[in-house]
Amino acid sequence: MKKENLILLLLLLILLLLGYQSIMLNRFLTTRAQENPMATTEGEQQIQPEKKTNPYANANLKTEVFANPDRTYGYQVLLNGSPMIRQPNIPGVPGNAGFRDEAKAKKTAELVLLKIRKNIMPPAITTEELDSLGVF
């Protein structure tokens, strides 16, 4: 047998062995995950995220709309009567433009308040959310 053929045969054999090893490892991991979904390696357990209590679930939160000097509007979220968030401009939008009317500022403030009550912190507002609120 030629030297080149022998090398090709050896390479083919190595590839077959690697493929078989990969299949067996995949089967082992799949079976193990089904038997004990919490185990990752021998004696190791996955760390479960702690459930955090929501400090804002029963907090005294409310929103207020205010007028800006340029005849636009902003909003603030009050926690126990003190400003927690003061937003004079439209969040997530470049520039410093405020809301054109009070209703749009109020809708956005209510969404922020909802996120805070659900403990979504920071309560960032996306342009998609603003669009769905009709702010644009």
Protein backbone atom coordinates (compact mmCIF):
# COMPACT_ATOMS: atom_id res chain seq x y z
CA MET A 1 0.00 0.00 0.00
CA LYS A 2 1.28 3.45 -0.88
CA LYS A 3 2.34 5.83 1.83
CA GLU A 4 -0.28 8.45 0.78
CA ASN A 5 -3.10 5.88 0.93
CA LEU A 6 -1.99 4.75 4.36
CA ILE A 7 -2.00 8.37 5.63
CA LEU A 8 -5.47 8.95 4.19
CA LEU A 9 -6.73 5.74 5.79
CA LEU A 10 -5.32 6.78 9.17
CA LEU A 11 -6.88 10.24 8.89
CA LEU A 12 -10.24 8.69 8.02
CA LEU A 13 -9.99 6.37 11.00
CA ILE A 14 -9.18 9.31 13.31
CA LEU A 15 -12.15 11.29 11.98
CA LEU A 16 -14.46 8.31 12.52
CA LEU A 17 -13.23 7.87 16.09
CA LEU A 18 -13.68 11.59 16.84
CA GLY A 19 -17.20 11.50 15.42
CA TYR A 20 -18.07 8.43 17.51
CA GLN A 21 -16.62 10.07 20.62
CA SER A 22 -18.66 13.22 19.97
CA ILE A 23 -21.87 11.21 19.55
CA MET A 24 -21.25 9.27 22.75
CA LEU A 25 -20.48 12.44 24.72
CA ASN A 26 -23.66 14.07 23.43
CA ARG A 27 -25.71 11.00 24.44
CA PHE A 28 -24.12 10.97 27.88
CA LEU A 29 -24.84 14.66 28.49
CA THR A 30 -28.40 14.38 27.19
CA THR A 31 -29.15 11.35 29.38
CA ARG A 32 -27.58 13.00 32.39
CA ALA A 33 -29.55 16.21 31.88
CA GLN A 34 -32.78 14.22 31.70
CA GLU A 35 -31.96 12.27 34.87
CA ASN A 36 -30.89 15.31 36.88
CA PRO A 37 -31.56 18.65 35.20
CA MET A 38 -29.85 20.55 38.05
CA ALA A 39 -26.48 18.76 37.74
CA THR A 40 -23.81 20.25 35.53
CA THR A 41 -20.69 18.28 36.50
CA GLU A 42 -19.92 15.66 39.09
CA GLY A 43 -21.17 16.96 42.45
CA GLU A 44 -21.82 20.46 41.12
CA GLN A 45 -25.27 22.03 41.19
CA GLN A 46 -26.50 24.94 39.11
CA ILE A 47 -26.91 28.07 41.14
CA GLN A 48 -30.52 29.19 41.06
CA PRO A 49 -31.06 32.93 40.95
CA GLU A 50 -32.50 34.23 44.16
CA LYS A 51 -35.97 35.60 43.93
CA LYS A 52 -35.66 39.22 44.87
CA THR A 53 -38.44 40.84 46.75
CA ASN A 54 -39.94 43.81 45.01
CA PRO A 55 -39.37 46.88 47.18
CA TYR A 56 -41.86 48.85 45.06
CA ALA A 57 -44.78 46.40 45.14
CA ASN A 58 -46.65 48.27 47.87
CA ALA A 59 -44.79 51.58 47.74
CA ASN A 60 -46.58 54.90 47.58
CA LEU A 61 -45.82 55.77 43.94
CA LYS A 62 -47.53 58.32 41.75
CA THR A 63 -46.84 60.33 38.63
CA GLU A 64 -47.06 64.04 37.86
CA VAL A 65 -46.82 65.91 34.58
CA PHE A 66 -45.14 69.32 34.52
CA ALA A 67 -44.63 72.05 31.94
CA ASN A 68 -41.19 72.90 30.62
CA PRO A 69 -40.17 76.50 29.86
CA ASP A 70 -40.29 75.76 26.09
CA ARG A 71 -44.01 74.88 26.27
CA THR A 72 -43.40 71.13 26.17
CA TYR A 73 -44.09 68.68 28.98
CA GLY A 74 -42.18 66.27 31.16
CA TYR A 75 -43.09 63.91 33.96
CA GLN A 76 -41.86 62.77 37.30
CA VAL A 77 -42.43 59.68 39.42
CA LEU A 78 -42.80 60.32 43.12
CA LEU A 79 -41.92 57.80 45.81
CA ASN A 80 -43.55 58.69 49.12
CA GLY A 81 -43.99 62.24 47.85
CA SER A 82 -40.33 62.72 46.88
CA PRO A 83 -39.12 62.76 43.28
CA MET A 84 -37.69 59.40 42.28
CA ILE A 85 -37.47 60.14 38.54
CA ARG A 86 -37.69 63.55 36.88
CA GLN A 87 -37.85 63.37 33.09
CA PRO A 88 -38.21 66.75 31.34
CA ASN A 89 -37.58 65.31 27.87
CA ILE A 90 -38.72 62.29 25.85
CA PRO A 91 -36.66 59.30 27.04
CA GLY A 92 -34.69 57.25 24.54
CA VAL A 93 -34.80 59.97 21.91
CA PRO A 94 -31.75 62.07 20.99
CA GLY A 95 -31.94 65.69 21.97
CA ASN A 96 -33.78 67.52 24.72
CA ALA A 97 -37.25 67.79 23.26
CA GLY A 98 -40.10 67.42 25.72
CA PHE A 99 -43.52 65.91 25.05
CA ARG A 100 -45.82 67.98 22.83
CA ASP A 101 -48.82 67.52 25.10
CA GLU A 102 -49.65 66.46 28.64
CA ALA A 103 -51.43 63.25 27.60
CA LYS A 104 -48.31 61.82 25.93
CA ALA A 105 -46.19 62.65 28.96
CA LYS A 106 -48.81 61.05 31.24
CA LYS A 107 -48.95 57.82 29.16
CA THR A 108 -45.18 57.49 29.27
CA ALA A 109 -45.08 58.20 33.01
CA GLU A 110 -47.69 55.49 33.59
CA LEU A 111 -45.58 52.98 31.65
CA VAL A 112 -42.54 53.89 33.75
CA LEU A 113 -44.64 53.50 36.90
CA LEU A 114 -45.82 50.06 35.72
CA LYS A 115 -42.23 48.96 35.14
CA ILE A 116 -41.22 50.15 38.60
CA ARG A 117 -44.13 48.28 40.20
CA LYS A 118 -42.97 45.13 38.37
CA ASN A 119 -39.41 45.78 39.63
CA ILE A 120 -38.03 46.30 36.12
CA MET A 121 -35.09 48.48 37.01
CA PRO A 122 -34.01 50.71 35.48
CA PRO A 123 -37.41 51.39 33.94
CA ALA A 124 -35.96 52.29 30.55
CA ILE A 125 -38.37 53.22 27.76
CA THR A 126 -37.65 52.14 24.18
CA THR A 127 -38.61 53.97 21.02
CA GLU A 128 -40.85 51.02 20.12
CA GLU A 129 -42.77 51.49 23.38
CA LEU A 130 -43.07 55.22 22.75
CA ASP A 131 -44.38 54.49 19.26
CA SER A 132 -46.97 52.04 20.59
CA LEU A 133 -48.10 54.68 23.11
CA GLY A 134 -48.60 57.13 20.25
CA VAL A 135 -45.95 59.56 21.48
CA PHE A 136 -44.46 59.98 18.00
